[in-house]
Every structure is written in structure tokens, then in C-alpha cells.
Amino acid sequence: MSTITHVVLAVVLTLFLVAQARSFVFVMRCRQAEPTGRRRRRSDVLWTSIPLIIVLALAARSWVTVFDLQRAAAAAVSATALDPGASPR
């Protein structure tokens, strides 16, 4: 894929992550607003947090691809291993 495709995908996933986080906050506020005597369901938190975690993982992976952090880290390791000033043993 091209770089622009990765950037667009990362931005779209980040916007979707923001929407998911807002829905999670809404669910948590609604849970606090309920009277304490009512039985609270855990499924609403579960069904809101699972997509949030999935989108967070996808967005983080997309941003890593955009910034090419893995290649930069590998290049830094190989550059220190191949120090031209070091004498061969």
C-alpha cells in the first residue's frame, strides 16, 4: 500500500476511535446516573469496551506503519552493529 493510503487509514481509524471512546463515556455516565437499587448489567460496558480495544489496536498499528517506527528501530540497531570506526577482530 502507498503511504497516503496508510495515512488516510490511520486518520479514519483515529476518528472512529474517538467516536467509540465517546460512546464508552456515555455508557459509563448512564451507569452512574442509574439509582443504586437497580441491578446493573455488565454487558453494556463489555459491548462498548470490546470494539474500543479493537479499534485502539488497529489505530496504533496504523500509526506505527505511518511513522515507520519498526524500520527506524531496525536501522538504528544495524547502524550501531556496523560501526565503521571499529577495528575488526
PDB file of N, CA and C in Angstrom:
ATOM      1  N   MET A   1       0.842  -1.185   0.000  1.00  0.00           N
ATOM      2  CA  MET A   1       0.000   0.000   0.000  1.00  0.00           C
ATOM      3  C   MET A   1       0.882   1.242   0.000  1.00  0.00           C
ATOM      4  N   SER A   2       0.348   2.295  -0.514  1.00  0.00           N
ATOM      5  CA  SER A   2       1.110   3.534  -0.557  1.00  0.00           C
ATOM      6  C   SER A   2       1.035   4.245   0.796  1.00  0.00           C
ATOM      7  N   THR A   3       1.897   5.198   0.956  1.00  0.00           N
ATOM      8  CA  THR A   3       1.964   5.944   2.220  1.00  0.00           C
ATOM      9  C   THR A   3       0.685   6.732   2.462  1.00  0.00           C
ATOM     10  N   ILE A   4       0.139   7.329   1.405  1.00  0.00           N
ATOM     11  CA  ILE A   4      -1.085   8.127   1.572  1.00  0.00           C
ATOM     12  C   ILE A   4      -2.250   7.247   2.017  1.00  0.00           C
ATOM     13  N   THR A   5      -2.281   6.018   1.557  1.00  0.00           N
ATOM     14  CA  THR A   5      -3.338   5.095   1.981  1.00  0.00           C
ATOM     15  C   THR A   5      -3.216   4.797   3.472  1.00  0.00           C
ATOM     16  N   HIS A   6      -1.993   4.590   3.931  1.00  0.00           N
ATOM     17  CA  HIS A   6      -1.786   4.331   5.360  1.00  0.00           C
ATOM     18  C   HIS A   6      -2.156   5.550   6.208  1.00  0.00           C
ATOM     19  N   VAL A   7      -1.836   6.731   5.731  1.00  0.00           N
ATOM     20  CA  VAL A   7      -2.182   7.946   6.477  1.00  0.00           C
ATOM     21  C   VAL A   7      -3.693   8.108   6.566  1.00  0.00           C
ATOM     22  N   VAL A   8      -4.387   7.905   5.450  1.00  0.00           N
ATOM     23  CA  VAL A   8      -5.848   8.027   5.444  1.00  0.00           C
ATOM     24  C   VAL A   8      -6.467   6.984   6.365  1.00  0.00           C
ATOM     25  N   LEU A   9      -5.966   5.763   6.303  1.00  0.00           N
ATOM     26  CA  LEU A   9      -6.485   4.700   7.164  1.00  0.00           C
ATOM     27  C   LEU A   9      -6.242   5.028   8.631  1.00  0.00           C
ATOM     28  N   ALA A  10      -5.071   5.539   8.962  1.00  0.00           N
ATOM     29  CA  ALA A  10      -4.770   5.889  10.350  1.00  0.00           C
ATOM     30  C   ALA A  10      -5.668   7.012  10.843  1.00  0.00           C
ATOM     31  N   VAL A  11      -5.912   8.013  10.005  1.00  0.00           N
ATOM     32  CA  VAL A  11      -6.773   9.130  10.411  1.00  0.00           C
ATOM     33  C   VAL A  11      -8.211   8.654  10.596  1.00  0.00           C
ATOM     34  N   VAL A  12      -8.705   7.834   9.674  1.00  0.00           N
ATOM     35  CA  VAL A  12     -10.083   7.326   9.786  1.00  0.00           C
ATOM     36  C   VAL A  12     -10.233   6.467  11.036  1.00  0.00           C
ATOM     37  N   LEU A  13      -9.275   5.606  11.298  1.00  0.00           N
ATOM     38  CA  LEU A  13      -9.348   4.772  12.498  1.00  0.00           C
ATOM     39  C   LEU A  13      -9.260   5.605  13.774  1.00  0.00           C
ATOM     40  N   THR A  14      -8.486   6.664  13.746  1.00  0.00           N
ATOM     41  CA  THR A  14      -8.397   7.534  14.915  1.00  0.00           C
ATOM     42  C   THR A  14      -9.724   8.255  15.157  1.00  0.00           C
ATOM     43  N   LEU A  15     -10.359   8.717  14.094  1.00  0.00           N
ATOM     44  CA  LEU A  15     -11.671   9.354  14.249  1.00  0.00           C
ATOM     45  C   LEU A  15     -12.711   8.357  14.763  1.00  0.00           C
ATOM     46  N   PHE A  16     -12.665   7.143  14.261  1.00  0.00           N
ATOM     47  CA  PHE A  16     -13.573   6.107  14.740  1.00  0.00           C
ATOM     48  C   PHE A  16     -13.282   5.774  16.197  1.00  0.00           C
ATOM     49  N   LEU A  17     -12.015   5.808  16.587  1.00  0.00           N
ATOM     50  CA  LEU A  17     -11.635   5.566  17.975  1.00  0.00           C
ATOM     51  C   LEU A  17     -12.202   6.644  18.890  1.00  0.00           C
ATOM     52  N   VAL A  18     -12.177   7.887  18.440  1.00  0.00           N
ATOM     53  CA  VAL A  18     -12.751   8.980  19.225  1.00  0.00           C
ATOM     54  C   VAL A  18     -14.256   8.771  19.408  1.00  0.00           C
ATOM     55  N   ALA A  19     -14.936   8.356  18.337  1.00  0.00           N
ATOM     56  CA  ALA A  19     -16.380   8.095  18.442  1.00  0.00           C
ATOM     57  C   ALA A  19     -16.663   6.949  19.405  1.00  0.00           C
ATOM     58  N   GLN A  20     -15.854   5.901  19.358  1.00  0.00           N
ATOM     59  CA  GLN A  20     -16.032   4.775  20.272  1.00  0.00           C
ATOM     60  C   GLN A  20     -15.773   5.194  21.720  1.00  0.00           C
ATOM     61  N   ALA A  21     -14.772   6.024  21.929  1.00  0.00           N
ATOM     62  CA  ALA A  21     -14.463   6.480  23.285  1.00  0.00           C
ATOM     63  C   ALA A  21     -15.599   7.336  23.835  1.00  0.00           C
ATOM     64  N   ARG A  22     -16.189   8.166  22.972  1.00  0.00           N
ATOM     65  CA  ARG A  22     -17.324   8.976  23.421  1.00  0.00           C
ATOM     66  C   ARG A  22     -18.511   8.099  23.802  1.00  0.00           C
ATOM     67  N   SER A  23     -18.759   7.036  23.033  1.00  0.00           N
ATOM     68  CA  SER A  23     -19.862   6.145  23.384  1.00  0.00           C
ATOM     69  C   SER A  23     -19.579   5.400  24.682  1.00  0.00           C
ATOM     70  N   PHE A  24     -18.317   5.058  24.919  1.00  0.00           N
ATOM     71  CA  PHE A  24     -17.955   4.401  26.172  1.00  0.00           C
ATOM     72  C   PHE A  24     -18.178   5.334  27.359  1.00  0.00           C
ATOM     73  N   VAL A  25     -17.792   6.593  27.202  1.00  0.00           N
ATOM     74  CA  VAL A  25     -18.019   7.574  28.271  1.00  0.00           C
ATOM     75  C   VAL A  25     -19.511   7.758  28.513  1.00  0.00           C
ATOM     76  N   PHE A  26     -20.311   7.783  27.454  1.00  0.00           N
ATOM     77  CA  PHE A  26     -21.756   7.909  27.595  1.00  0.00           C
ATOM     78  C   PHE A  26     -22.337   6.736  28.385  1.00  0.00           C
ATOM     79  N   VAL A  27     -21.899   5.526  28.065  1.00  0.00           N
ATOM     80  CA  VAL A  27     -22.392   4.344  28.783  1.00  0.00           C
ATOM     81  C   VAL A  27     -22.001   4.413  30.252  1.00  0.00           C
ATOM     82  N   MET A  28     -20.778   4.832  30.525  1.00  0.00           N
ATOM     83  CA  MET A  28     -20.341   4.912  31.923  1.00  0.00           C
ATOM     84  C   MET A  28     -21.110   5.984  32.692  1.00  0.00           C
ATOM     85  N   ARG A  29     -21.407   7.099  32.039  1.00  0.00           N
ATOM     86  CA  ARG A  29     -22.202   8.142  32.714  1.00  0.00           C
ATOM     87  C   ARG A  29     -23.617   7.669  32.973  1.00  0.00           C
ATOM     88  N   CYS A  30     -24.202   6.954  32.042  1.00  0.00           N
ATOM     89  CA  CYS A  30     -25.560   6.428  32.237  1.00  0.00           C
ATOM     90  C   CYS A  30     -25.593   5.416  33.372  1.00  0.00           C
ATOM     91  N   ARG A  31     -24.526   4.644  33.515  1.00  0.00           N
ATOM     92  CA  ARG A  31     -24.474   3.683  34.610  1.00  0.00           C
ATOM     93  C   ARG A  31     -24.414   4.391  35.961  1.00  0.00           C
ATOM     94  N   GLN A  32     -23.711   5.511  36.024  1.00  0.00           N
ATOM     95  CA  GLN A  32     -23.618   6.237  37.285  1.00  0.00           C
ATOM     96  C   GLN A  32     -24.908   6.974  37.606  1.00  0.00           C
ATOM     97  N   ALA A  33     -25.661   7.348  36.581  1.00  0.00           N
ATOM     98  CA  ALA A  33     -26.893   8.096  36.800  1.00  0.00           C
ATOM     99  C   ALA A  33     -28.038   7.200  37.270  1.00  0.00           C
ATOM    100  N   GLU A  34     -27.915   5.897  37.070  1.00  0.00           N
ATOM    101  CA  GLU A  34     -28.970   4.983  37.497  1.00  0.00           C
ATOM    102  C   GLU A  34     -29.025   4.922  39.020  1.00  0.00           C
ATOM    103  N   PRO A  35     -30.204   4.700  39.552  1.00  0.00           N
ATOM    104  CA  PRO A  35     -30.304   4.519  41.010  1.00  0.00           C
ATOM    105  C   PRO A  35     -29.525   3.278  41.446  1.00  0.00           C
ATOM    106  N   THR A  36     -28.986   3.314  42.638  1.00  0.00           N
ATOM    107  CA  THR A  36     -28.151   2.204  43.111  1.00  0.00           C
ATOM    108  C   THR A  36     -28.956   0.951  43.403  1.00  0.00           C
ATOM    109  N   GLY A  37     -30.248   1.075  43.596  1.00  0.00           N
ATOM    110  CA  GLY A  37     -31.072  -0.097  43.896  1.00  0.00           C
ATOM    111  C   GLY A  37     -31.319  -0.987  42.696  1.00  0.00           C
ATOM    112  N   ARG A  38     -31.199  -0.444  41.486  1.00  0.00           N
ATOM    113  CA  ARG A  38     -31.433  -1.236  40.281  1.00  0.00           C
ATOM    114  C   ARG A  38     -30.232  -2.130  39.993  1.00  0.00           C
ATOM    115  N   ARG A  39     -30.514  -3.278  39.416  1.00  0.00           N
ATOM    116  CA  ARG A  39     -29.453  -4.207  39.039  1.00  0.00           C
ATOM    117  C   ARG A  39     -28.772  -3.695  37.771  1.00  0.00           C
ATOM    118  N   ARG A  40     -27.465  -3.544  37.814  1.00  0.00           N
ATOM    119  CA  ARG A  40     -26.716  -3.038  36.666  1.00  0.00           C
ATOM    120  C   ARG A  40     -26.250  -4.195  35.802  1.00  0.00           C
ATOM    121  N   ARG A  41     -26.379  -4.004  34.497  1.00  0.00           N
ATOM    122  CA  ARG A  41     -25.912  -5.021  33.563  1.00  0.00           C
ATOM    123  C   ARG A  41     -24.462  -4.723  33.190  1.00  0.00           C
ATOM    124  N   ARG A  42     -23.668  -5.758  33.143  1.00  0.00           N
ATOM    125  CA  ARG A  42     -22.269  -5.587  32.749  1.00  0.00           C
ATOM    126  C   ARG A  42     -22.096  -5.699  31.243  1.00  0.00           C
ATOM    127  N   SER A  43     -23.101  -6.203  30.572  1.00  0.00           N
ATOM    128  CA  SER A  43     -22.955  -6.420  29.132  1.00  0.00           C
ATOM    129  C   SER A  43     -22.841  -5.116  28.349  1.00  0.00           C
ATOM    130  N   ASP A  44     -23.462  -4.031  28.848  1.00  0.00           N
ATOM    131  CA  ASP A  44     -23.355  -2.767  28.124  1.00  0.00           C
ATOM    132  C   ASP A  44     -21.926  -2.239  28.144  1.00  0.00           C
ATOM    133  N   VAL A  45     -21.224  -2.410  29.240  1.00  0.00           N
ATOM    134  CA  VAL A  45     -19.832  -1.993  29.308  1.00  0.00           C
ATOM    135  C   VAL A  45     -18.970  -2.923  28.458  1.00  0.00           C
ATOM    136  N   LEU A  46     -19.264  -4.193  28.501  1.00  0.00           N
ATOM    137  CA  LEU A  46     -18.499  -5.167  27.721  1.00  0.00           C
ATOM    138  C   LEU A  46     -18.633  -4.908  26.226  1.00  0.00           C
ATOM    139  N   TRP A  47     -19.867  -4.697  25.766  1.00  0.00           N
ATOM    140  CA  TRP A  47     -20.095  -4.498  24.334  1.00  0.00           C
ATOM    141  C   TRP A  47     -19.645  -3.125  23.848  1.00  0.00           C
ATOM    142  N   THR A  48     -19.314  -2.237  24.745  1.00  0.00           N
ATOM    143  CA  THR A  48     -18.756  -0.956  24.328  1.00  0.00           C
ATOM    144  C   THR A  48     -17.236  -0.975  24.424  1.00  0.00           C
ATOM    145  N   SER A  49     -16.689  -1.745  25.343  1.00  0.00           N
ATOM    146  CA  SER A  49     -15.238  -1.746  25.508  1.00  0.00           C
ATOM    147  C   SER A  49     -14.533  -2.652  24.504  1.00  0.00           C
ATOM    148  N   ILE A  50     -15.154  -3.724  24.066  1.00  0.00           N
ATOM    149  CA  ILE A  50     -14.515  -4.627  23.103  1.00  0.00           C
ATOM    150  C   ILE A  50     -14.209  -3.909  21.789  1.00  0.00           C
ATOM    151  N   PRO A  51     -15.176  -3.226  21.151  1.00  0.00           N
ATOM    152  CA  PRO A  51     -14.821  -2.503  19.917  1.00  0.00           C
ATOM    153  C   PRO A  51     -13.807  -1.386  20.163  1.00  0.00           C
ATOM    154  N   LEU A  52     -13.860  -0.778  21.337  1.00  0.00           N
ATOM    155  CA  LEU A  52     -12.902   0.279  21.668  1.00  0.00           C
ATOM    156  C   LEU A  52     -11.479  -0.281  21.684  1.00  0.00           C
ATOM    157  N   ILE A  53     -11.293  -1.426  22.265  1.00  0.00           N
ATOM    158  CA  ILE A  53      -9.968  -2.045  22.332  1.00  0.00           C
ATOM    159  C   ILE A  53      -9.497  -2.476  20.941  1.00  0.00           C
ATOM    160  N   ILE A  54     -10.399  -3.034  20.148  1.00  0.00           N
ATOM    161  CA  ILE A  54     -10.037  -3.471  18.802  1.00  0.00           C
ATOM    162  C   ILE A  54      -9.622  -2.284  17.938  1.00  0.00           C
ATOM    163  N   VAL A  55     -10.407  -1.221  17.966  1.00  0.00           N
ATOM    164  CA  VAL A  55     -10.083  -0.046  17.148  1.00  0.00           C
ATOM    165  C   VAL A  55      -8.813   0.628  17.651  1.00  0.00           C
ATOM    166  N   LEU A  56      -8.591   0.620  18.962  1.00  0.00           N
ATOM    167  CA  LEU A  56      -7.357   1.176  19.510  1.00  0.00           C
ATOM    168  C   LEU A  56      -6.141   0.416  18.982  1.00  0.00           C
ATOM    169  N   ALA A  57      -6.225  -0.902  18.960  1.00  0.00           N
ATOM    170  CA  ALA A  57      -5.112  -1.706  18.449  1.00  0.00           C
ATOM    171  C   ALA A  57      -4.886  -1.440  16.962  1.00  0.00           C
ATOM    172  N   LEU A  58      -5.960  -1.358  16.189  1.00  0.00           N
ATOM    173  CA  LEU A  58      -5.819  -1.099  14.757  1.00  0.00           C
ATOM    174  C   LEU A  58      -5.259   0.291  14.484  1.00  0.00           C
ATOM    175  N   ALA A  59      -5.728   1.284  15.211  1.00  0.00           N
ATOM    176  CA  ALA A  59      -5.245   2.647  15.003  1.00  0.00           C
ATOM    177  C   ALA A  59      -3.779   2.768  15.403  1.00  0.00           C
ATOM    178  N   ALA A  60      -3.401   2.146  16.503  1.00  0.00           N
ATOM    179  CA  ALA A  60      -1.999   2.200  16.934  1.00  0.00           C
ATOM    180  C   ALA A  60      -1.100   1.534  15.905  1.00  0.00           C
ATOM    181  N   ARG A  61      -1.547   0.427  15.384  1.00  0.00           N
ATOM    182  CA  ARG A  61      -0.754  -0.275  14.368  1.00  0.00           C
ATOM    183  C   ARG A  61      -0.643   0.545  13.086  1.00  0.00           C
ATOM    184  N   SER A  62      -1.706   1.238  12.725  1.00  0.00           N
ATOM    185  CA  SER A  62      -1.673   2.084  11.537  1.00  0.00           C
ATOM    186  C   SER A  62      -0.710   3.252  11.716  1.00  0.00           C
ATOM    187  N   TRP A  63      -0.726   3.873  12.906  1.00  0.00           N
ATOM    188  CA  TRP A  63       0.189   4.986  13.125  1.00  0.00           C
ATOM    189  C   TRP A  63       1.633   4.521  13.165  1.00  0.00           C
ATOM    190  N   VAL A  64       1.884   3.324  13.675  1.00  0.00           N
ATOM    191  CA  VAL A  64       3.241   2.779  13.650  1.00  0.00           C
ATOM    192  C   VAL A  64       3.691   2.592  12.207  1.00  0.00           C
ATOM    193  N   THR A  65       2.795   2.121  11.367  1.00  0.00           N
ATOM    194  CA  THR A  65       3.121   1.947   9.957  1.00  0.00           C
ATOM    195  C   THR A  65       3.369   3.291   9.281  1.00  0.00           C
ATOM    196  N   VAL A  66       2.567   4.270   9.618  1.00  0.00           N
ATOM    197  CA  VAL A  66       2.728   5.600   9.013  1.00  0.00           C
ATOM    198  C   VAL A  66       4.087   6.188   9.372  1.00  0.00           C
ATOM    199  N   PHE A  67       4.443   6.125  10.617  1.00  0.00           N
ATOM    200  CA  PHE A  67       5.702   6.721  11.046  1.00  0.00           C
ATOM    201  C   PHE A  67       6.892   5.792  10.840  1.00  0.00           C
ATOM    202  N   ASP A  68       6.612   4.551  10.443  1.00  0.00           N
ATOM    203  CA  ASP A  68       7.656   3.588  10.123  1.00  0.00           C
ATOM    204  C   ASP A  68       8.618   3.388  11.282  1.00  0.00           C
ATOM    205  N   LEU A  69       8.054   3.231  12.460  1.00  0.00           N
ATOM    206  CA  LEU A  69       8.878   3.117  13.657  1.00  0.00           C
ATOM    207  C   LEU A  69       9.669   1.820  13.692  1.00  0.00           C
ATOM    208  N   GLN A  70       9.115   0.752  13.146  1.00  0.00           N
ATOM    209  CA  GLN A  70       9.824  -0.520  13.190  1.00  0.00           C
ATOM    210  C   GLN A  70      11.073  -0.475  12.319  1.00  0.00           C
ATOM    211  N   ARG A  71      10.973   0.116  11.142  1.00  0.00           N
ATOM    212  CA  ARG A  71      12.127   0.193  10.263  1.00  0.00           C
ATOM    213  C   ARG A  71      13.192   1.121  10.852  1.00  0.00           C
ATOM    214  N   ALA A  72      12.756   2.201  11.475  1.00  0.00           N
ATOM    215  CA  ALA A  72      13.715   3.124  12.093  1.00  0.00           C
ATOM    216  C   ALA A  72      14.447   2.444  13.244  1.00  0.00           C
ATOM    217  N   ALA A  73      13.754   1.656  14.031  1.00  0.00           N
ATOM    218  CA  ALA A  73      14.397   0.948  15.138  1.00  0.00           C
ATOM    219  C   ALA A  73      15.375  -0.095  14.616  1.00  0.00           C
ATOM    220  N   ALA A  74      14.996  -0.807  13.571  1.00  0.00           N
ATOM    221  CA  ALA A  74      15.892  -1.809  12.987  1.00  0.00           C
ATOM    222  C   ALA A  74      17.120  -1.143  12.375  1.00  0.00           C
ATOM    223  N   ALA A  75      16.934   0.010  11.762  1.00  0.00           N
ATOM    224  CA  ALA A  75      18.057   0.727  11.169  1.00  0.00           C
ATOM    225  C   ALA A  75      19.015   1.219  12.246  1.00  0.00           C
ATOM    226  N   ALA A  76      18.489   1.642  13.379  1.00  0.00           N
ATOM    227  CA  ALA A  76      19.336   2.115  14.463  1.00  0.00           C
ATOM    228  C   ALA A  76      20.168   0.973  15.043  1.00  0.00           C
ATOM    229  N   VAL A  77      19.570  -0.192  15.155  1.00  0.00           N
ATOM    230  CA  VAL A  77      20.298  -1.349  15.681  1.00  0.00           C
ATOM    231  C   VAL A  77      21.382  -1.772  14.714  1.00  0.00           C
ATOM    232  N   SER A  78      21.061  -1.818  13.409  1.00  0.00           N
ATOM    233  CA  SER A  78      22.059  -2.237  12.437  1.00  0.00           C
ATOM    234  C   SER A  78      23.158  -1.195  12.284  1.00  0.00           C
ATOM    235  N   ALA A  79      22.845   0.075  12.476  1.00  0.00           N
ATOM    236  CA  ALA A  79      23.859   1.119  12.361  1.00  0.00           C
ATOM    237  C   ALA A  79      24.864   1.022  13.505  1.00  0.00           C
ATOM    238  N   THR A  80      24.422   0.672  14.701  1.00  0.00           N
ATOM    239  CA  THR A  80      25.351   0.532  15.818  1.00  0.00           C
ATOM    240  C   THR A  80      26.159  -0.752  15.681  1.00  0.00           C
ATOM    241  N   ALA A  81      25.592  -1.771  15.054  1.00  0.00           N
ATOM    242  CA  ALA A  81      26.311  -3.031  14.882  1.00  0.00           C
ATOM    243  C   ALA A  81      27.389  -2.903  13.818  1.00  0.00           C
ATOM    244  N   LEU A  82      27.191  -2.045  12.836  1.00  0.00           N
ATOM    245  CA  LEU A  82      28.146  -1.884  11.749  1.00  0.00           C
ATOM    246  C   LEU A  82      28.894  -0.565  11.876  1.00  0.00           C
ATOM    247  N   ASP A  83      29.477  -0.331  13.021  1.00  0.00           N
ATOM    248  CA  ASP A  83      30.209   0.917  13.268  1.00  0.00           C
ATOM    249  C   ASP A  83      31.466   0.921  12.400  1.00  0.00           C
ATOM    250  N   PRO A  84      31.573   1.906  11.471  1.00  0.00           N
ATOM    251  CA  PRO A  84      32.719   1.887  10.576  1.00  0.00           C
ATOM    252  C   PRO A  84      34.050   2.219  11.279  1.00  0.00           C
ATOM    253  N   GLY A  85      33.995   2.819  12.420  1.00  0.00           N
ATOM    254  CA  GLY A  85      35.224   3.175  13.129  1.00  0.00           C
ATOM    255  C   GLY A  85      35.807   2.036  13.939  1.00  0.00           C
ATOM    256  N   ALA A  86      35.049   0.981  14.108  1.00  0.00           N
ATOM    257  CA  ALA A  86      35.532  -0.143  14.924  1.00  0.00           C
ATOM    258  C   ALA A  86      36.496  -0.990  14.123  1.00  0.00           C
ATOM    259  N   SER A  87      37.538  -1.457  14.799  1.00  0.00           N
ATOM    260  CA  SER A  87      38.526  -2.322  14.119  1.00  0.00           C
ATOM    261  C   SER A  87      38.065  -3.772  14.164  1.00  0.00           C
ATOM    262  N   PRO A  88      38.244  -4.517  13.056  1.00  0.00           N
ATOM    263  CA  PRO A  88      37.821  -5.922  13.048  1.00  0.00           C
ATOM    264  C   PRO A  88      38.691  -6.758  13.974  1.00  0.00           C
ATOM    265  N   ARG A  89      38.102  -7.785  14.561  1.00  0.00           N
ATOM    266  CA  ARG A  89      38.835  -8.636  15.495  1.00  0.00           C
ATOM    267  C   ARG A  89      39.237  -9.922  14.853  1.00  0.00           C
TER     268      ARG A  89
END
